[in-house]
Amino acid sequence: MELITPDIGTMFWMLVVFLSVMFVLTKYAWKPTLKAIQNRSKTIEDALKSAERAKEEMEKLQANNEKILAEARVERDLLLKDARSMKDKIVNDAKDIAAGEAKNIIEAAKASINNEKAAAIAEIRTQVATLSVQIAEKILKQKLQDDQKQKDLINNLMKDMKLN
C-alpha cells in the first residue's frame, strides 16, 4: 500500500525536487524559450507587416503602371493621329503640286505644238508661194515664147490697169 499512499517524506522530497526542477526550468529553459518564441513571433509579425506593405506598394505600383500605360496609349494614339494627318497633308500637297506641274507641262506642250503648227503652216505657205511662182514662170515661159503672144499679154494687162 505504500505505492498507493506515499509517505510524507517522499512527498516532501518529490515536492522539493519538483519545485527545484520548475525553478531551474523557469529560470534557464522557459524564459529563454519564451523569449525566443516572442522574438520569433515579433519577427513573423514584422515580416507579415512588411509583406502587407510590399503588397500595398505593389498594388499602388500596378495601378500607377496601368495609369502610365493608359497615358502612353493615349499619347501613342495622338501621335499616330498627327502622323496620319501630316501624311495626308503631305500627300495632298504633293498631288496639288503634281497637278499644277502637269497643267503647266500640258500648257507648255500645247503652246509648243501651236508654235510648231504655225511655223509649219508658214513654211508650207512659203513653199506653196515659191512653187506657185515657179509654176507660173514655167507656164508664162511656155505661153510667151512668141513675140506676138507677149505683145497681146502686155496689151491686156494695160487695159486691165486702166479699168481699175
Protein backbone atom coordinates (compact mmCIF):
# COMPACT_ATOMS: atom_id res chain seq x y z
CA MET A 1 0.00 0.00 0.00
CA GLU A 2 2.86 2.10 0.13
CA LEU A 3 2.63 2.78 -3.53
CA ILE A 4 -0.88 4.00 -3.34
CA THR A 5 -0.39 6.25 -0.34
CA PRO A 6 3.04 7.79 -0.50
CA ASP A 7 4.93 8.70 2.56
CA ILE A 8 5.09 12.32 3.74
CA GLY A 9 8.87 12.39 3.44
CA THR A 10 8.73 11.11 -0.08
CA MET A 11 6.10 13.66 -0.87
CA PHE A 12 8.22 16.38 0.63
CA TRP A 13 11.26 15.43 -1.39
CA MET A 14 9.19 14.99 -4.53
CA LEU A 15 7.78 18.46 -3.96
CA VAL A 16 11.27 19.89 -3.34
CA VAL A 17 12.67 18.20 -6.46
CA PHE A 18 9.60 19.28 -8.49
CA LEU A 19 9.93 22.90 -7.34
CA SER A 20 13.68 22.95 -7.96
CA VAL A 21 13.20 21.47 -11.43
CA MET A 22 10.48 24.03 -12.03
CA PHE A 23 12.73 26.82 -10.78
CA VAL A 24 15.64 25.67 -12.96
CA LEU A 25 13.39 25.16 -15.96
CA THR A 26 11.68 28.51 -15.41
CA LYS A 27 14.94 30.37 -14.95
CA TYR A 28 17.07 28.69 -17.60
CA ALA A 29 14.72 26.99 -20.04
CA TRP A 30 11.30 28.66 -20.02
CA LYS A 31 12.42 32.29 -20.07
CA PRO A 32 14.86 31.90 -22.99
CA THR A 33 12.40 29.65 -24.80
CA LEU A 34 9.55 32.13 -24.24
CA LYS A 35 11.86 34.97 -25.20
CA ALA A 36 12.88 33.12 -28.40
CA ILE A 37 9.22 32.40 -29.14
CA GLN A 38 8.31 36.05 -28.57
CA ASN A 39 11.22 37.17 -30.77
CA ARG A 40 10.15 34.71 -33.44
CA SER A 41 6.56 35.89 -33.13
CA LYS A 42 7.68 39.51 -33.41
CA THR A 43 9.85 38.65 -36.45
CA ILE A 44 6.92 36.87 -38.06
CA GLU A 45 4.63 39.85 -37.33
CA ASP A 46 7.21 42.25 -38.78
CA ALA A 47 7.60 40.04 -41.84
CA LEU A 48 3.81 39.93 -42.26
CA LYS A 49 3.60 43.73 -41.91
CA SER A 50 6.46 44.12 -44.43
CA ALA A 51 4.71 41.73 -46.77
CA GLU A 52 1.46 43.69 -46.37
CA ARG A 53 3.29 46.98 -47.06
CA ALA A 54 5.02 45.40 -50.06
CA LYS A 55 1.65 44.14 -51.28
CA GLU A 56 0.14 47.63 -50.91
CA GLU A 57 3.12 49.20 -52.66
CA MET A 58 2.86 46.59 -55.39
CA GLU A 59 -0.84 47.40 -55.84
CA LYS A 60 -0.01 51.12 -55.96
CA LEU A 61 2.76 50.46 -58.47
CA GLN A 62 0.46 48.28 -60.53
CA ALA A 63 -2.24 50.97 -60.51
CA ASN A 64 0.40 53.56 -61.38
CA ASN A 65 1.71 51.31 -64.18
CA GLU A 66 -1.80 50.91 -65.56
CA LYS A 67 -2.26 54.68 -65.41
CA ILE A 68 1.07 55.23 -67.19
CA LEU A 69 0.16 52.60 -69.80
CA ALA A 70 -3.20 54.29 -70.39
CA GLU A 71 -1.48 57.67 -70.79
CA ALA A 72 1.08 56.12 -73.13
CA ARG A 73 -1.70 54.60 -75.23
CA VAL A 74 -3.47 57.96 -75.43
CA GLU A 75 -0.22 59.69 -76.38
CA ARG A 76 0.54 56.97 -78.94
CA ASP A 77 -2.93 57.41 -80.44
CA LEU A 78 -2.41 61.18 -80.63
CA LEU A 79 0.99 60.72 -82.28
CA LEU A 80 -0.48 58.27 -84.78
CA LYS A 81 -3.35 60.67 -85.50
CA ASP A 82 -0.90 63.54 -86.02
CA ALA A 83 1.27 61.35 -88.23
CA ARG A 84 -1.74 60.32 -90.32
CA SER A 85 -2.92 63.90 -90.72
CA MET A 86 0.62 65.01 -91.62
CA LYS A 87 0.89 62.17 -94.14
CA ASP A 88 -2.47 63.11 -95.67
CA LYS A 89 -1.42 66.76 -95.85
CA ILE A 90 1.90 65.88 -97.49
CA VAL A 91 0.17 63.55 -99.97
CA ASN A 92 -2.45 66.20 -100.81
CA ASP A 93 0.22 68.88 -101.19
CA ALA A 94 2.23 66.57 -103.44
CA LYS A 95 -0.88 65.84 -105.51
CA ASP A 96 -1.63 69.56 -105.83
CA ILE A 97 1.95 70.32 -106.83
CA ALA A 98 1.97 67.42 -109.31
CA ALA A 99 -1.37 68.55 -110.78
CA GLY A 100 -0.05 72.12 -111.15
CA GLU A 101 3.16 70.92 -112.77
CA ALA A 102 1.20 68.60 -115.06
CA LYS A 103 -1.05 71.51 -116.04
CA ASN A 104 2.00 73.70 -116.73
CA ILE A 105 3.63 70.94 -118.77
CA ILE A 106 0.42 70.41 -120.77
CA GLU A 107 0.06 74.15 -121.40
CA ALA A 108 3.71 74.38 -122.45
CA ALA A 109 3.25 71.39 -124.75
CA LYS A 110 0.11 72.95 -126.27
CA ALA A 111 1.94 76.23 -126.81
CA SER A 112 4.89 74.39 -128.35
CA ILE A 113 2.53 72.42 -130.60
CA ASN A 114 0.76 75.62 -131.67
CA ASN A 115 4.10 77.32 -132.37
CA GLU A 116 5.30 74.32 -134.36
CA LYS A 117 1.97 74.22 -136.20
CA ALA A 118 2.18 77.94 -137.04
CA ALA A 119 5.79 77.52 -138.17
CA ALA A 120 4.84 74.52 -140.31
CA ILE A 121 1.90 76.40 -141.85
CA ALA A 122 4.14 79.40 -142.56
CA GLU A 123 6.75 77.15 -144.13
CA ILE A 124 4.08 75.39 -146.21
CA ARG A 125 2.75 78.77 -147.37
CA THR A 126 6.24 79.87 -148.29
CA GLN A 127 6.83 76.67 -150.21
CA VAL A 128 3.40 76.91 -151.90
CA ALA A 129 4.13 80.51 -152.89
CA THR A 130 7.55 79.56 -154.20
CA LEU A 131 6.11 76.62 -156.12
CA SER A 132 3.28 78.79 -157.46
CA VAL A 133 5.77 81.36 -158.69
CA GLN A 134 7.93 78.66 -160.26
CA ILE A 135 4.90 77.07 -161.93
CA ALA A 136 3.68 80.47 -163.13
CA GLU A 137 7.13 81.21 -164.56
CA LYS A 138 7.18 77.93 -166.42
CA ILE A 139 3.65 78.44 -167.72
CA LEU A 140 4.45 82.02 -168.78
CA LYS A 141 7.68 80.95 -170.45
CA GLN A 142 5.80 78.38 -172.49
CA LYS A 143 2.94 80.72 -173.40
CA LEU A 144 5.11 83.73 -174.13
CA GLN A 145 7.66 82.14 -176.38
CA ASP A 146 6.25 84.04 -179.37
CA ASP A 147 6.68 87.79 -179.69
CA GLN A 148 3.08 88.20 -180.70
CA LYS A 149 1.79 86.46 -177.55
CA GLN A 150 3.96 88.72 -175.40
CA LYS A 151 2.55 91.83 -177.02
CA ASP A 152 -1.03 90.58 -176.61
CA LEU A 153 -0.42 89.88 -172.91
CA ILE A 154 1.05 93.32 -172.32
CA ASN A 155 -1.88 94.97 -174.07
CA ASN A 156 -4.39 93.00 -171.97
CA LEU A 157 -2.55 93.94 -168.77
CA MET A 158 -2.56 97.60 -169.79
CA LYS A 159 -6.28 97.55 -170.43
CA ASP A 160 -6.93 95.94 -167.02
CA MET A 161 -4.85 98.61 -165.32
CA LYS A 162 -6.73 101.43 -166.90
CA LEU A 163 -10.01 99.91 -165.94
CA ASN A 164 -9.08 99.57 -162.34
